[in-house]
Amino acid sequence: MVDVKGIANPLFLREEELRQAIEMLFFAYRDFTGEPDTILAGLGLGRAHHRVIYFVGRNPGITVSELLRILRITKQSLSRVLSHLVEEQYIVQRPGERDRRQRLLSLTQRGIELERRLTANQRERIATAFRNAGAEAVQGFNLVLHGIIDPEDRPRFDVPGVGGPTAAARLKAGGKR
């Protein structure tokens, strides 16, 4: 559990506290991506491949356009990565049912296995950190991350304390907008 007495009032953050948070984010990201980077390098893949595999795995049947919006990369960049993943049989593309021009993306069994392997260490890191921090700290962490995310992407996440379930969360749960 975190000692809250030693934590600065967030309304009066000093430059050093902000810089420390930035630095901690860098170190956390480095360590969070370290093991997956090693696995990917052994397969001749990189972080761009990881992001595509992750988001296709989280959103089976996602369109290329939706994936481009999430990743905020160029069509050309995505095309290179996607072509490689299709060629290596990690992802399969199929035309849309209503609009045949759409390309719907899903992981193959090989892709599912790779995504699980890449995510295993990351899930364990998050689970351990959450268990050690406690429920209130996890909620605070989620609120902080939510606040860092650009406003147009915030509705993707159902974060308690920011207005209840979002349209995206209701749709994910099978409800209506």
Protein backbone atom coordinates (compact mmCIF):
# COMPACT_ATOMS: atom_id res chain seq x y z
CA MET A 1 0.00 0.00 0.00
CA VAL A 2 1.22 3.50 -0.78
CA ASP A 3 1.97 5.93 2.06
CA VAL A 4 -0.40 8.78 1.20
CA LYS A 5 1.14 11.13 3.80
CA GLY A 6 4.30 11.40 1.69
CA ILE A 7 2.40 12.23 -1.50
CA ALA A 8 2.20 15.85 -2.59
CA ASN A 9 -1.14 17.56 -3.00
CA PRO A 10 -1.86 17.17 -6.75
CA LEU A 11 -3.17 20.73 -6.92
CA PHE A 12 0.24 22.11 -5.97
CA LEU A 13 2.65 19.99 -8.01
CA ARG A 14 6.13 21.36 -8.29
CA GLU A 15 8.35 21.13 -11.36
CA GLU A 16 10.43 18.37 -9.78
CA GLU A 17 7.34 16.23 -9.06
CA LEU A 18 6.14 16.64 -12.64
CA ARG A 19 9.60 15.77 -14.01
CA GLN A 20 9.77 12.70 -11.78
CA ALA A 21 6.39 11.52 -13.10
CA ILE A 22 7.60 11.98 -16.68
CA GLU A 23 10.79 10.07 -15.92
CA MET A 24 8.86 7.28 -14.22
CA LEU A 25 6.65 6.97 -17.31
CA PHE A 26 9.76 6.56 -19.46
CA PHE A 27 11.20 3.87 -17.17
CA ALA A 28 7.83 2.10 -16.86
CA TYR A 29 7.39 2.05 -20.64
CA ARG A 30 10.94 0.77 -21.15
CA ASP A 31 10.41 -2.07 -18.70
CA PHE A 32 6.85 -2.77 -19.83
CA THR A 33 7.99 -3.24 -23.46
CA GLY A 34 11.35 -4.91 -22.74
CA GLU A 35 10.37 -8.59 -22.79
CA PRO A 36 7.95 -8.25 -25.72
CA ASP A 37 10.68 -6.38 -27.65
CA THR A 38 13.02 -9.34 -27.13
CA ILE A 39 10.39 -11.83 -28.31
CA LEU A 40 9.55 -9.66 -31.33
CA ALA A 41 13.20 -9.19 -32.29
CA GLY A 42 13.63 -12.97 -32.35
CA LEU A 43 10.82 -13.15 -34.89
CA GLY A 44 12.04 -10.25 -37.02
CA LEU A 45 9.18 -8.05 -35.78
CA GLY A 46 9.07 -4.73 -33.94
CA ARG A 47 6.82 -2.56 -31.77
CA ALA A 48 4.63 -1.51 -34.69
CA HIS A 49 3.87 -5.20 -35.30
CA HIS A 50 3.11 -5.60 -31.58
CA ARG A 51 0.63 -2.71 -31.57
CA VAL A 52 -1.19 -4.07 -34.61
CA ILE A 53 -1.33 -7.59 -33.17
CA TYR A 54 -2.56 -6.27 -29.82
CA PHE A 55 -5.35 -4.09 -31.18
CA VAL A 56 -6.50 -6.63 -33.76
CA GLY A 57 -6.58 -9.21 -30.97
CA ARG A 58 -8.63 -6.88 -28.74
CA ASN A 59 -10.99 -6.00 -31.60
CA PRO A 60 -11.51 -9.03 -33.88
CA GLY A 61 -13.02 -7.91 -37.18
CA ILE A 62 -11.63 -4.37 -36.83
CA THR A 63 -11.44 -2.44 -40.08
CA VAL A 64 -8.20 -1.04 -41.41
CA SER A 65 -9.71 2.46 -41.05
CA GLU A 66 -10.52 1.88 -37.36
CA LEU A 67 -7.03 0.54 -36.75
CA LEU A 68 -5.52 3.59 -38.45
CA ARG A 69 -7.55 5.86 -36.12
CA ILE A 70 -6.32 4.00 -33.04
CA LEU A 71 -2.67 3.84 -34.04
CA ARG A 72 -2.47 7.28 -35.65
CA ILE A 73 -0.01 6.13 -38.27
CA THR A 74 0.00 6.55 -42.04
CA LYS A 75 -1.69 4.09 -44.37
CA GLN A 76 1.71 3.39 -45.87
CA SER A 77 3.23 2.49 -42.48
CA LEU A 78 0.29 0.27 -41.57
CA SER A 79 0.33 -1.35 -44.99
CA ARG A 80 3.97 -2.44 -44.58
CA VAL A 81 3.38 -3.88 -41.12
CA LEU A 82 0.06 -5.48 -42.00
CA SER A 83 1.40 -7.06 -45.19
CA HIS A 84 4.22 -8.62 -43.20
CA LEU A 85 1.84 -9.95 -40.51
CA VAL A 86 -0.51 -11.40 -43.15
CA GLU A 87 2.43 -12.95 -45.01
CA GLU A 88 3.72 -14.51 -41.77
CA GLN A 89 0.17 -15.78 -41.04
CA TYR A 90 -0.41 -13.84 -37.82
CA ILE A 91 -3.36 -11.90 -39.25
CA VAL A 92 -6.06 -12.72 -41.77
CA GLN A 93 -7.98 -10.12 -43.82
CA ARG A 94 -11.44 -10.60 -45.23
CA PRO A 95 -13.79 -8.25 -47.05
CA GLY A 96 -16.60 -6.57 -45.12
CA GLU A 97 -20.03 -8.18 -45.28
CA ARG A 98 -21.90 -4.97 -46.19
CA ASP A 99 -19.07 -3.09 -47.85
CA ARG A 100 -16.75 -5.40 -49.79
CA ARG A 101 -14.14 -2.60 -49.97
CA GLN A 102 -13.60 -2.80 -46.23
CA ARG A 103 -10.87 -5.08 -44.97
CA LEU A 104 -11.73 -6.77 -41.68
CA LEU A 105 -8.78 -7.97 -39.65
CA SER A 106 -8.54 -10.87 -37.23
CA LEU A 107 -5.74 -12.83 -35.63
CA THR A 108 -5.02 -16.34 -36.85
CA GLN A 109 -4.36 -19.04 -34.24
CA ARG A 110 -0.67 -18.25 -34.67
CA GLY A 111 -1.42 -14.57 -34.06
CA ILE A 112 -3.49 -15.36 -30.96
CA GLU A 113 -0.62 -17.41 -29.53
CA LEU A 114 1.89 -14.62 -30.23
CA GLU A 115 -0.38 -11.96 -28.71
CA ARG A 116 -0.77 -14.06 -25.55
CA ARG A 117 2.98 -14.59 -25.35
CA LEU A 118 3.71 -10.87 -25.82
CA THR A 119 1.08 -9.82 -23.29
CA ALA A 120 1.80 -12.41 -20.57
CA ASN A 121 4.66 -10.48 -18.93
CA GLN A 122 2.83 -7.17 -19.32
CA ARG A 123 -0.31 -8.56 -17.69
CA GLU A 124 1.76 -9.91 -14.80
CA ARG A 125 3.54 -6.56 -14.32
CA ILE A 126 0.20 -4.71 -14.25
CA ALA A 127 -1.45 -7.30 -11.98
CA THR A 128 1.45 -7.19 -9.50
CA ALA A 129 1.53 -3.40 -9.46
CA PHE A 130 -2.25 -3.22 -8.99
CA ARG A 131 -2.21 -5.79 -6.17
CA ASN A 132 0.62 -3.96 -4.41
CA ALA A 133 -0.97 -0.53 -4.82
CA GLY A 134 -4.51 -1.35 -3.73
CA ALA A 135 -7.92 -0.47 -5.14
CA GLU A 136 -7.83 3.27 -4.45
CA ALA A 137 -4.43 3.66 -6.07
CA VAL A 138 -5.58 1.66 -9.11
CA GLN A 139 -8.58 3.96 -9.49
CA GLY A 140 -6.29 6.97 -9.17
CA PHE A 141 -3.86 5.51 -11.71
CA ASN A 142 -6.70 4.92 -14.17
CA LEU A 143 -7.91 8.50 -13.68
CA VAL A 144 -4.39 9.81 -14.32
CA LEU A 145 -3.97 7.73 -17.48
CA HIS A 146 -7.43 8.80 -18.64
CA GLY A 147 -6.43 12.41 -18.14
CA ILE A 148 -3.25 11.95 -20.20
CA ILE A 149 -5.12 10.40 -23.14
CA ASP A 150 -6.31 12.84 -25.80
CA PRO A 151 -9.97 13.82 -25.22
CA GLU A 152 -11.27 12.19 -28.42
CA ASP A 153 -10.02 8.77 -27.28
CA ARG A 154 -11.25 8.98 -23.67
CA PRO A 155 -14.75 7.64 -24.48
CA ARG A 156 -13.14 4.30 -25.42
CA PHE A 157 -12.59 3.62 -21.72
CA ASP A 158 -15.03 3.01 -18.89
CA VAL A 159 -13.22 4.67 -16.00
CA PRO A 160 -15.13 4.99 -12.72
CA GLY A 161 -15.10 8.56 -11.47
CA VAL A 162 -15.38 10.24 -14.86
CA GLY A 163 -19.09 9.98 -15.50
CA GLY A 164 -19.99 6.30 -15.54
CA PRO A 165 -20.13 3.89 -18.45
CA THR A 166 -19.34 5.36 -21.84
CA ALA A 167 -21.09 4.61 -25.12
CA ALA A 168 -18.11 2.45 -26.10
CA ALA A 169 -18.34 0.47 -22.85
CA ARG A 170 -22.10 0.02 -23.28
CA LEU A 171 -21.59 -1.24 -26.84
CA LYS A 172 -18.84 -3.59 -25.70
CA ALA A 173 -21.26 -4.95 -23.10
CA GLY A 174 -23.96 -5.39 -25.76
CA GLY A 175 -26.04 -2.32 -24.91
CA LYS A 176 -27.24 0.56 -27.07
CA ARG A 177 -25.60 3.95 -27.64
